[in-house]
């Protein structure tokens, strides 16, 4: 993990962000006793968010189920079918 000072972060912010994206390694910026971290973040896609919501609804009151790639793909297929049907109705 790389550590840089506030002055460097301010003057080279664009380059720092590009480096974090490229290396996927966070950069820490100390300021007194506090620290700030610039780190890569994966923004969930609408499919991922909807899959999570549907999963939570399905899990209410049920025993946990181990997920695997096949189950995830089956759930995503159902989401796609639902969305396609929803679009057809509009």
PDB file of N, CA and C in Angstrom:
ATOM      1  N   UNK A   1       0.854  -1.160   0.000  1.00  0.00           N
ATOM      2  CA  UNK A   1       0.000   0.000   0.000  1.00  0.00           C
ATOM      3  C   UNK A   1       0.907   1.233   0.000  1.00  0.00           C
ATOM      4  N   UNK A   2       0.598   2.132  -0.890  1.00  0.00           N
ATOM      5  CA  UNK A   2       1.392   3.351  -1.028  1.00  0.00           C
ATOM      6  C   UNK A   2       0.834   4.447  -0.115  1.00  0.00           C
ATOM      7  N   UNK A   3       1.725   5.255   0.462  1.00  0.00           N
ATOM      8  CA  UNK A   3       1.333   6.378   1.314  1.00  0.00           C
ATOM      9  C   UNK A   3       1.893   7.653   0.693  1.00  0.00           C
ATOM     10  N   UNK A   4       1.014   8.649   0.508  1.00  0.00           N
ATOM     11  CA  UNK A   4       1.469   9.936  -0.029  1.00  0.00           C
ATOM     12  C   UNK A   4       0.926  11.052   0.863  1.00  0.00           C
ATOM     13  N   UNK A   5       1.578  12.211   0.828  1.00  0.00           N
ATOM     14  CA  UNK A   5       1.112  13.321   1.662  1.00  0.00           C
ATOM     15  C   UNK A   5      -0.002  14.095   0.944  1.00  0.00           C
ATOM     16  N   UNK A   6      -0.673  14.947   1.687  1.00  0.00           N
ATOM     17  CA  UNK A   6      -1.816  15.701   1.165  1.00  0.00           C
ATOM     18  C   UNK A   6      -1.397  16.595  -0.004  1.00  0.00           C
ATOM     19  N   UNK A   7      -0.257  17.239   0.114  1.00  0.00           N
ATOM     20  CA  UNK A   7       0.204  18.137  -0.936  1.00  0.00           C
ATOM     21  C   UNK A   7       0.387  17.400  -2.263  1.00  0.00           C
ATOM     22  N   UNK A   8       1.010  16.234  -2.203  1.00  0.00           N
ATOM     23  CA  UNK A   8       1.198  15.421  -3.415  1.00  0.00           C
ATOM     24  C   UNK A   8      -0.148  14.959  -3.962  1.00  0.00           C
ATOM     25  N   UNK A   9      -1.041  14.535  -3.069  1.00  0.00           N
ATOM     26  CA  UNK A   9      -2.367  14.067  -3.503  1.00  0.00           C
ATOM     27  C   UNK A   9      -3.126  15.179  -4.219  1.00  0.00           C
ATOM     28  N   UNK A  10      -3.044  16.404  -3.696  1.00  0.00           N
ATOM     29  CA  UNK A  10      -3.749  17.522  -4.312  1.00  0.00           C
ATOM     30  C   UNK A  10      -3.189  17.854  -5.691  1.00  0.00           C
ATOM     31  N   UNK A  11      -1.866  17.895  -5.784  1.00  0.00           N
ATOM     32  CA  UNK A  11      -1.268  18.320  -7.050  1.00  0.00           C
ATOM     33  C   UNK A  11      -1.283  17.228  -8.118  1.00  0.00           C
ATOM     34  N   UNK A  12      -1.408  15.959  -7.704  1.00  0.00           N
ATOM     35  CA  UNK A  12      -1.348  14.854  -8.671  1.00  0.00           C
ATOM     36  C   UNK A  12      -2.554  13.925  -8.548  1.00  0.00           C
ATOM     37  N   UNK A  13      -3.688  14.454  -8.145  1.00  0.00           N
ATOM     38  CA  UNK A  13      -4.853  13.614  -7.883  1.00  0.00           C
ATOM     39  C   UNK A  13      -5.239  12.749  -9.078  1.00  0.00           C
ATOM     40  N   UNK A  14      -5.279  13.326 -10.249  1.00  0.00           N
ATOM     41  CA  UNK A  14      -5.640  12.551 -11.444  1.00  0.00           C
ATOM     42  C   UNK A  14      -4.698  11.385 -11.664  1.00  0.00           C
ATOM     43  N   UNK A  15      -3.398  11.636 -11.534  1.00  0.00           N
ATOM     44  CA  UNK A  15      -2.404  10.565 -11.711  1.00  0.00           C
ATOM     45  C   UNK A  15      -2.521   9.510 -10.613  1.00  0.00           C
ATOM     46  N   UNK A  16      -2.794   9.962  -9.379  1.00  0.00           N
ATOM     47  CA  UNK A  16      -2.952   9.018  -8.268  1.00  0.00           C
ATOM     48  C   UNK A  16      -4.145   8.098  -8.536  1.00  0.00           C
ATOM     49  N   UNK A  17      -5.252   8.674  -8.954  1.00  0.00           N
ATOM     50  CA  UNK A  17      -6.449   7.878  -9.257  1.00  0.00           C
ATOM     51  C   UNK A  17      -6.176   6.893 -10.393  1.00  0.00           C
ATOM     52  N   UNK A  18      -5.526   7.361 -11.450  1.00  0.00           N
ATOM     53  CA  UNK A  18      -5.195   6.465 -12.568  1.00  0.00           C
ATOM     54  C   UNK A  18      -4.326   5.303 -12.099  1.00  0.00           C
ATOM     55  N   UNK A  19      -3.363   5.579 -11.218  1.00  0.00           N
ATOM     56  CA  UNK A  19      -2.475   4.535 -10.709  1.00  0.00           C
ATOM     57  C   UNK A  19      -3.244   3.524  -9.856  1.00  0.00           C
ATOM     58  N   UNK A  20      -4.156   4.023  -9.035  1.00  0.00           N
ATOM     59  CA  UNK A  20      -4.969   3.127  -8.202  1.00  0.00           C
ATOM     60  C   UNK A  20      -5.815   2.219  -9.093  1.00  0.00           C
ATOM     61  N   UNK A  21      -6.407   2.774 -10.115  1.00  0.00           N
ATOM     62  CA  UNK A  21      -7.217   1.977 -11.044  1.00  0.00           C
ATOM     63  C   UNK A  21      -6.356   0.934 -11.746  1.00  0.00           C
ATOM     64  N   UNK A  22      -5.180   1.344 -12.185  1.00  0.00           N
ATOM     65  CA  UNK A  22      -4.298   0.444 -12.924  1.00  0.00           C
ATOM     66  C   UNK A  22      -3.771  -0.692 -12.047  1.00  0.00           C
ATOM     67  N   UNK A  23      -3.298  -0.359 -10.839  1.00  0.00           N
ATOM     68  CA  UNK A  23      -2.663  -1.366  -9.985  1.00  0.00           C
ATOM     69  C   UNK A  23      -3.640  -2.062  -9.046  1.00  0.00           C
ATOM     70  N   UNK A  24      -4.847  -1.485  -8.865  1.00  0.00           N
ATOM     71  CA  UNK A  24      -5.838  -1.993  -7.915  1.00  0.00           C
ATOM     72  C   UNK A  24      -5.310  -1.961  -6.481  1.00  0.00           C
ATOM     73  N   UNK A  25      -4.287  -1.144  -6.240  1.00  0.00           N
ATOM     74  CA  UNK A  25      -3.688  -1.014  -4.913  1.00  0.00           C
ATOM     75  C   UNK A  25      -4.082   0.328  -4.301  1.00  0.00           C
ATOM     76  N   UNK A  26      -4.616   0.320  -3.073  1.00  0.00           N
ATOM     77  CA  UNK A  26      -5.045   1.571  -2.442  1.00  0.00           C
ATOM     78  C   UNK A  26      -3.877   2.508  -2.131  1.00  0.00           C
ATOM     79  N   UNK A  27      -4.191   3.782  -2.023  1.00  0.00           N
ATOM     80  CA  UNK A  27      -3.223   4.801  -1.626  1.00  0.00           C
ATOM     81  C   UNK A  27      -3.768   5.450  -0.353  1.00  0.00           C
ATOM     82  N   UNK A  28      -2.902   5.589   0.658  1.00  0.00           N
ATOM     83  CA  UNK A  28      -3.301   6.192   1.928  1.00  0.00           C
ATOM     84  C   UNK A  28      -2.725   7.601   2.016  1.00  0.00           C
ATOM     85  N   UNK A  29      -3.551   8.526   2.497  1.00  0.00           N
ATOM     86  CA  UNK A  29      -3.131   9.920   2.667  1.00  0.00           C
ATOM     87  C   UNK A  29      -3.326  10.277   4.144  1.00  0.00           C
ATOM     88  N   UNK A  30      -2.230  10.412   4.902  1.00  0.00           N
ATOM     89  CA  UNK A  30      -2.373  10.787   6.308  1.00  0.00           C
ATOM     90  C   UNK A  30      -2.574  12.291   6.451  1.00  0.00           C
ATOM     91  N   UNK A  31      -3.365  12.671   7.445  1.00  0.00           N
ATOM     92  CA  UNK A  31      -3.561  14.094   7.769  1.00  0.00           C
ATOM     93  C   UNK A  31      -3.686  14.167   9.287  1.00  0.00           C
ATOM     94  N   UNK A  32      -2.608  14.529   9.931  1.00  0.00           N
ATOM     95  CA  UNK A  32      -2.580  14.519  11.391  1.00  0.00           C
ATOM     96  C   UNK A  32      -2.730  13.097  11.892  1.00  0.00           C
ATOM     97  N   UNK A  33      -3.673  12.895  12.789  1.00  0.00           N
ATOM     98  CA  UNK A  33      -3.910  11.553  13.333  1.00  0.00           C
ATOM     99  C   UNK A  33      -4.883  10.739  12.475  1.00  0.00           C
ATOM    100  N   UNK A  34      -5.467  11.350  11.463  1.00  0.00           N
ATOM    101  CA  UNK A  34      -6.458  10.687  10.615  1.00  0.00           C
ATOM    102  C   UNK A  34      -5.834  10.266   9.293  1.00  0.00           C
ATOM    103  N   UNK A  35      -6.484   9.327   8.644  1.00  0.00           N
ATOM    104  CA  UNK A  35      -6.021   8.834   7.344  1.00  0.00           C
ATOM    105  C   UNK A  35      -7.205   8.728   6.393  1.00  0.00           C
ATOM    106  N   UNK A  36      -6.927   8.935   5.135  1.00  0.00           N
ATOM    107  CA  UNK A  36      -7.915   8.761   4.070  1.00  0.00           C
ATOM    108  C   UNK A  36      -7.324   7.759   3.091  1.00  0.00           C
ATOM    109  N   UNK A  37      -8.184   6.916   2.534  1.00  0.00           N
ATOM    110  CA  UNK A  37      -7.698   5.939   1.569  1.00  0.00           C
ATOM    111  C   UNK A  37      -8.424   6.121   0.240  1.00  0.00           C
ATOM    112  N   UNK A  38      -7.659   6.119  -0.826  1.00  0.00           N
ATOM    113  CA  UNK A  38      -8.220   6.088  -2.174  1.00  0.00           C
ATOM    114  C   UNK A  38      -8.049   4.650  -2.641  1.00  0.00           C
ATOM    115  N   UNK A  39      -9.162   4.002  -2.924  1.00  0.00           N
ATOM    116  CA  UNK A  39      -9.117   2.594  -3.303  1.00  0.00           C
ATOM    117  C   UNK A  39     -10.089   2.338  -4.442  1.00  0.00           C
ATOM    118  N   UNK A  40      -9.824   1.313  -5.254  1.00  0.00           N
ATOM    119  CA  UNK A  40     -10.746   0.979  -6.334  1.00  0.00           C
ATOM    120  C   UNK A  40     -12.089   0.515  -5.759  1.00  0.00           C
ATOM    121  N   UNK A  41     -13.157   0.835  -6.454  1.00  0.00           N
ATOM    122  CA  UNK A  41     -14.492   0.439  -6.023  1.00  0.00           C
ATOM    123  C   UNK A  41     -15.257  -0.072  -7.234  1.00  0.00           C
ATOM    124  N   UNK A  42     -15.849  -1.237  -7.077  1.00  0.00           N
ATOM    125  CA  UNK A  42     -16.667  -1.811  -8.144  1.00  0.00           C
ATOM    126  C   UNK A  42     -18.119  -1.411  -7.899  1.00  0.00           C
ATOM    127  N   UNK A  43     -18.657  -0.558  -8.746  1.00  0.00           N
ATOM    128  CA  UNK A  43     -20.048  -0.137  -8.633  1.00  0.00           C
ATOM    129  C   UNK A  43     -20.933  -1.267  -9.149  1.00  0.00           C
ATOM    130  N   UNK A  44     -21.855  -1.767  -8.323  1.00  0.00           N
ATOM    131  CA  UNK A  44     -22.698  -2.875  -8.773  1.00  0.00           C
ATOM    132  C   UNK A  44     -23.558  -2.469  -9.968  1.00  0.00           C
ATOM    133  N   UNK A  45     -23.747  -3.394 -10.873  1.00  0.00           N
ATOM    134  CA  UNK A  45     -24.631  -3.159 -12.014  1.00  0.00           C
ATOM    135  C   UNK A  45     -26.073  -3.330 -11.552  1.00  0.00           C
ATOM    136  N   UNK A  46     -27.027  -2.819 -12.313  1.00  0.00           N
ATOM    137  CA  UNK A  46     -28.435  -3.027 -11.937  1.00  0.00           C
ATOM    138  C   UNK A  46     -28.777  -4.508 -11.774  1.00  0.00           C
ATOM    139  N   UNK A  47     -28.201  -5.376 -12.624  1.00  0.00           N
ATOM    140  CA  UNK A  47     -28.458  -6.823 -12.503  1.00  0.00           C
ATOM    141  C   UNK A  47     -27.982  -7.337 -11.157  1.00  0.00           C
ATOM    142  N   UNK A  48     -26.795  -6.912 -10.726  1.00  0.00           N
ATOM    143  CA  UNK A  48     -26.259  -7.370  -9.445  1.00  0.00           C
ATOM    144  C   UNK A  48     -27.107  -6.883  -8.282  1.00  0.00           C
ATOM    145  N   UNK A  49     -27.560  -5.629  -8.357  1.00  0.00           N
ATOM    146  CA  UNK A  49     -28.390  -5.083  -7.279  1.00  0.00           C
ATOM    147  C   UNK A  49     -29.742  -5.793  -7.225  1.00  0.00           C
ATOM    148  N   UNK A  50     -30.335  -6.049  -8.395  1.00  0.00           N
ATOM    149  CA  UNK A  50     -31.623  -6.724  -8.427  1.00  0.00           C
ATOM    150  C   UNK A  50     -31.471  -8.167  -7.964  1.00  0.00           C
ATOM    151  N   UNK A  51     -30.376  -8.812  -8.353  1.00  0.00           N
ATOM    152  CA  UNK A  51     -30.111 -10.175  -7.922  1.00  0.00           C
ATOM    153  C   UNK A  51     -29.995 -10.232  -6.399  1.00  0.00           C
ATOM    154  N   UNK A  52     -29.326  -9.262  -5.819  1.00  0.00           N
ATOM    155  CA  UNK A  52     -29.195  -9.217  -4.357  1.00  0.00           C
ATOM    156  C   UNK A  52     -30.560  -9.024  -3.700  1.00  0.00           C
ATOM    157  N   UNK A  53     -31.360  -8.113  -4.244  1.00  0.00           N
ATOM    158  CA  UNK A  53     -32.689  -7.863  -3.681  1.00  0.00           C
ATOM    159  C   UNK A  53     -33.558  -9.111  -3.765  1.00  0.00           C
ATOM    160  N   UNK A  54     -33.570  -9.764  -4.909  1.00  0.00           N
ATOM    161  CA  UNK A  54     -34.374 -10.972  -5.083  1.00  0.00           C
ATOM    162  C   UNK A  54     -33.879 -12.071  -4.157  1.00  0.00           C
ATOM    163  N   UNK A  55     -32.563 -12.173  -4.031  1.00  0.00           N
ATOM    164  CA  UNK A  55     -31.988 -13.175  -3.135  1.00  0.00           C
ATOM    165  C   UNK A  55     -32.409 -12.961  -1.699  1.00  0.00           C
ATOM    166  N   UNK A  56     -32.423 -11.704  -1.252  1.00  0.00           N
ATOM    167  CA  UNK A  56     -32.839 -11.404   0.123  1.00  0.00           C
ATOM    168  C   UNK A  56     -34.309 -11.773   0.327  1.00  0.00           C
ATOM    169  N   UNK A  57     -35.140 -11.482  -0.671  1.00  0.00           N
ATOM    170  CA  UNK A  57     -36.556 -11.833  -0.563  1.00  0.00           C
ATOM    171  C   UNK A  57     -36.738 -13.342  -0.490  1.00  0.00           C
ATOM    172  N   UNK A  58     -35.978 -14.063  -1.282  1.00  0.00           N
ATOM    173  CA  UNK A  58     -36.082 -15.523  -1.294  1.00  0.00           C
ATOM    174  C   UNK A  58     -35.572 -16.131   0.013  1.00  0.00           C
ATOM    175  N   UNK A  59     -34.601 -15.475   0.630  1.00  0.00           N
ATOM    176  CA  UNK A  59     -33.981 -16.013   1.838  1.00  0.00           C
ATOM    177  C   UNK A  59     -34.793 -15.774   3.104  1.00  0.00           C
ATOM    178  N   UNK A  60     -35.792 -14.937   3.044  1.00  0.00           N
ATOM    179  CA  UNK A  60     -36.577 -14.647   4.248  1.00  0.00           C
ATOM    180  C   UNK A  60     -37.182 -15.943   4.794  1.00  0.00           C
ATOM    181  N   UNK A  61     -36.780 -16.292   6.013  1.00  0.00           N
ATOM    182  CA  UNK A  61     -37.343 -17.470   6.671  1.00  0.00           C
ATOM    183  C   UNK A  61     -36.877 -18.798   6.125  1.00  0.00           C
ATOM    184  N   UNK A  62     -35.832 -18.816   5.325  1.00  0.00           N
ATOM    185  CA  UNK A  62     -35.344 -20.070   4.751  1.00  0.00           C
ATOM    186  C   UNK A  62     -33.953 -20.397   5.261  1.00  0.00           C
ATOM    187  N   UNK A  63     -33.607 -21.647   5.115  1.00  0.00           N
ATOM    188  CA  UNK A  63     -32.251 -22.085   5.431  1.00  0.00           C
ATOM    189  C   UNK A  63     -31.309 -21.545   4.359  1.00  0.00           C
ATOM    190  N   UNK A  64     -30.091 -21.161   4.744  1.00  0.00           N
ATOM    191  CA  UNK A  64     -29.133 -20.663   3.733  1.00  0.00           C
ATOM    192  C   UNK A  64     -28.827 -21.743   2.687  1.00  0.00           C
ATOM    193  N   UNK A  65     -28.653 -21.302   1.447  1.00  0.00           N
ATOM    194  CA  UNK A  65     -28.335 -22.197   0.338  1.00  0.00           C
ATOM    195  C   UNK A  65     -26.960 -21.827  -0.180  1.00  0.00           C
ATOM    196  N   UNK A  66     -26.137 -22.841  -0.394  1.00  0.00           N
ATOM    197  CA  UNK A  66     -24.814 -22.564  -0.957  1.00  0.00           C
ATOM    198  C   UNK A  66     -24.963 -22.182  -2.419  1.00  0.00           C
ATOM    199  N   UNK A  67     -24.346 -21.063  -2.783  1.00  0.00           N
ATOM    200  CA  UNK A  67     -24.426 -20.597  -4.162  1.00  0.00           C
ATOM    201  C   UNK A  67     -23.235 -21.100  -4.954  1.00  0.00           C
ATOM    202  N   UNK A  68     -23.487 -21.382  -6.201  1.00  0.00           N
ATOM    203  CA  UNK A  68     -22.407 -21.722  -7.116  1.00  0.00           C
ATOM    204  C   UNK A  68     -22.694 -21.013  -8.442  1.00  0.00           C
ATOM    205  N   UNK A  69     -21.797 -21.142  -9.373  1.00  0.00           N
ATOM    206  CA  UNK A  69     -21.932 -20.432 -10.652  1.00  0.00           C
ATOM    207  C   UNK A  69     -23.219 -20.833 -11.382  1.00  0.00           C
ATOM    208  N   UNK A  70     -23.581 -22.107 -11.308  1.00  0.00           N
ATOM    209  CA  UNK A  70     -24.775 -22.584 -12.007  1.00  0.00           C
ATOM    210  C   UNK A  70     -26.049 -21.974 -11.416  1.00  0.00           C
ATOM    211  N   UNK A  71     -26.121 -21.915 -10.089  1.00  0.00           N
ATOM    212  CA  UNK A  71     -27.277 -21.320  -9.435  1.00  0.00           C
ATOM    213  C   UNK A  71     -27.366 -19.826  -9.737  1.00  0.00           C
ATOM    214  N   UNK A  72     -26.234 -19.140  -9.668  1.00  0.00           N
ATOM    215  CA  UNK A  72     -26.204 -17.711  -9.970  1.00  0.00           C
ATOM    216  C   UNK A  72     -26.663 -17.450 -11.398  1.00  0.00           C
ATOM    217  N   UNK A  73     -26.211 -18.254 -12.333  1.00  0.00           N
ATOM    218  CA  UNK A  73     -26.615 -18.086 -13.732  1.00  0.00           C
ATOM    219  C   UNK A  73     -28.113 -18.348 -13.903  1.00  0.00           C
ATOM    220  N   UNK A  74     -28.639 -19.349 -13.199  1.00  0.00           N
ATOM    221  CA  UNK A  74     -30.072 -19.640 -13.280  1.00  0.00           C
ATOM    222  C   UNK A  74     -30.891 -18.466 -12.744  1.00  0.00           C
ATOM    223  N   UNK A  75     -30.438 -17.870 -11.649  1.00  0.00           N
ATOM    224  CA  UNK A  75     -31.141 -16.717 -11.082  1.00  0.00           C
ATOM    225  C   UNK A  75     -31.081 -15.541 -12.046  1.00  0.00           C
ATOM    226  N   UNK A  76     -29.906 -15.311 -12.635  1.00  0.00           N
ATOM    227  CA  UNK A  76     -29.772 -14.212 -13.587  1.00  0.00           C
ATOM    228  C   UNK A  76     -30.654 -14.428 -14.809  1.00  0.00           C
ATOM    229  N   UNK A  77     -30.785 -15.673 -15.255  1.00  0.00           N
ATOM    230  CA  UNK A  77     -31.684 -15.973 -16.382  1.00  0.00           C
ATOM    231  C   UNK A  77     -33.124 -15.614 -16.032  1.00  0.00           C
ATOM    232  N   UNK A  78     -33.540 -15.935 -14.812  1.00  0.00           N
ATOM    233  CA  UNK A  78     -34.901 -15.603 -14.385  1.00  0.00           C
ATOM    234  C   UNK A  78     -35.105 -14.089 -14.343  1.00  0.00           C
ATOM    235  N   UNK A  79     -34.097 -13.366 -13.899  1.00  0.00           N
ATOM    236  CA  UNK A  79     -34.184 -11.901 -13.867  1.00  0.00           C
ATOM    237  C   UNK A  79     -34.327 -11.358 -15.284  1.00  0.00           C
ATOM    238  N   UNK A  80     -33.531 -11.884 -16.208  1.00  0.00           N
ATOM    239  CA  UNK A  80     -33.617 -11.441 -17.613  1.00  0.00           C
ATOM    240  C   UNK A  80     -35.005 -11.713 -18.193  1.00  0.00           C
ATOM    241  N   UNK A  81     -35.547 -12.900 -17.914  1.00  0.00           N
ATOM    242  CA  UNK A  81     -36.887 -13.238 -18.405  1.00  0.00           C
ATOM    243  C   UNK A  81     -37.925 -12.285 -17.833  1.00  0.00           C
ATOM    244  N   UNK A  82     -37.814 -12.007 -16.548  1.00  0.00           N
ATOM    245  CA  UNK A  82     -38.737 -11.086 -15.891  1.00  0.00           C
ATOM    246  C   UNK A  82     -38.665  -9.706 -16.523  1.00  0.00           C
ATOM    247  N   UNK A  83     -37.458  -9.221 -16.742  1.00  0.00           N
ATOM    248  CA  UNK A  83     -37.291  -7.890 -17.341  1.00  0.00           C
ATOM    249  C   UNK A  83     -37.819  -7.854 -18.770  1.00  0.00           C
ATOM    250  N   UNK A  84     -37.568  -8.915 -19.540  1.00  0.00           N
ATOM    251  CA  UNK A  84     -38.054  -8.969 -20.922  1.00  0.00           C
ATOM    252  C   UNK A  84     -39.582  -8.938 -20.937  1.00  0.00           C
ATOM    253  N   UNK A  85     -40.200  -9.681 -20.027  1.00  0.00           N
ATOM    254  CA  UNK A  85     -41.659  -9.702 -19.944  1.00  0.00           C
ATOM    255  C   UNK A  85     -42.187  -8.326 -19.530  1.00  0.00           C
ATOM    256  N   UNK A  86     -41.492  -7.694 -18.618  1.00  0.00           N
ATOM    257  CA  UNK A  86     -41.882  -6.365 -18.158  1.00  0.00           C
ATOM    258  C   UNK A  86     -41.823  -5.354 -19.296  1.00  0.00           C
ATOM    259  N   UNK A  87     -40.766  -5.450 -20.140  1.00  0.00           N
ATOM    260  CA  UNK A  87     -40.637  -4.540 -21.290  1.00  0.00           C
ATOM    261  C   UNK A  87     -41.736  -4.775 -22.304  1.00  0.00           C
ATOM    262  N   UNK A  88     -42.102  -6.046 -22.539  1.00  0.00           N
ATOM    263  CA  UNK A  88     -43.155  -6.361 -23.500  1.00  0.00           C
ATOM    264  C   UNK A  88     -44.501  -5.786 -23.087  1.00  0.00           C
ATOM    265  N   UNK A  89     -44.738  -5.703 -21.783  1.00  0.00           N
ATOM    266  CA  UNK A  89     -46.021  -5.209 -21.279  1.00  0.00           C
ATOM    267  C   UNK A  89     -46.154  -3.702 -21.414  1.00  0.00           C
ATOM    268  N   UNK A  90     -45.047  -2.983 -21.528  1.00  0.00           N
ATOM    269  CA  UNK A  90     -45.094  -1.511 -21.623  1.00  0.00           C
ATOM    270  C   UNK A  90     -45.600  -1.046 -22.934  1.00  0.00           C
TER     271      UNK A  90
END
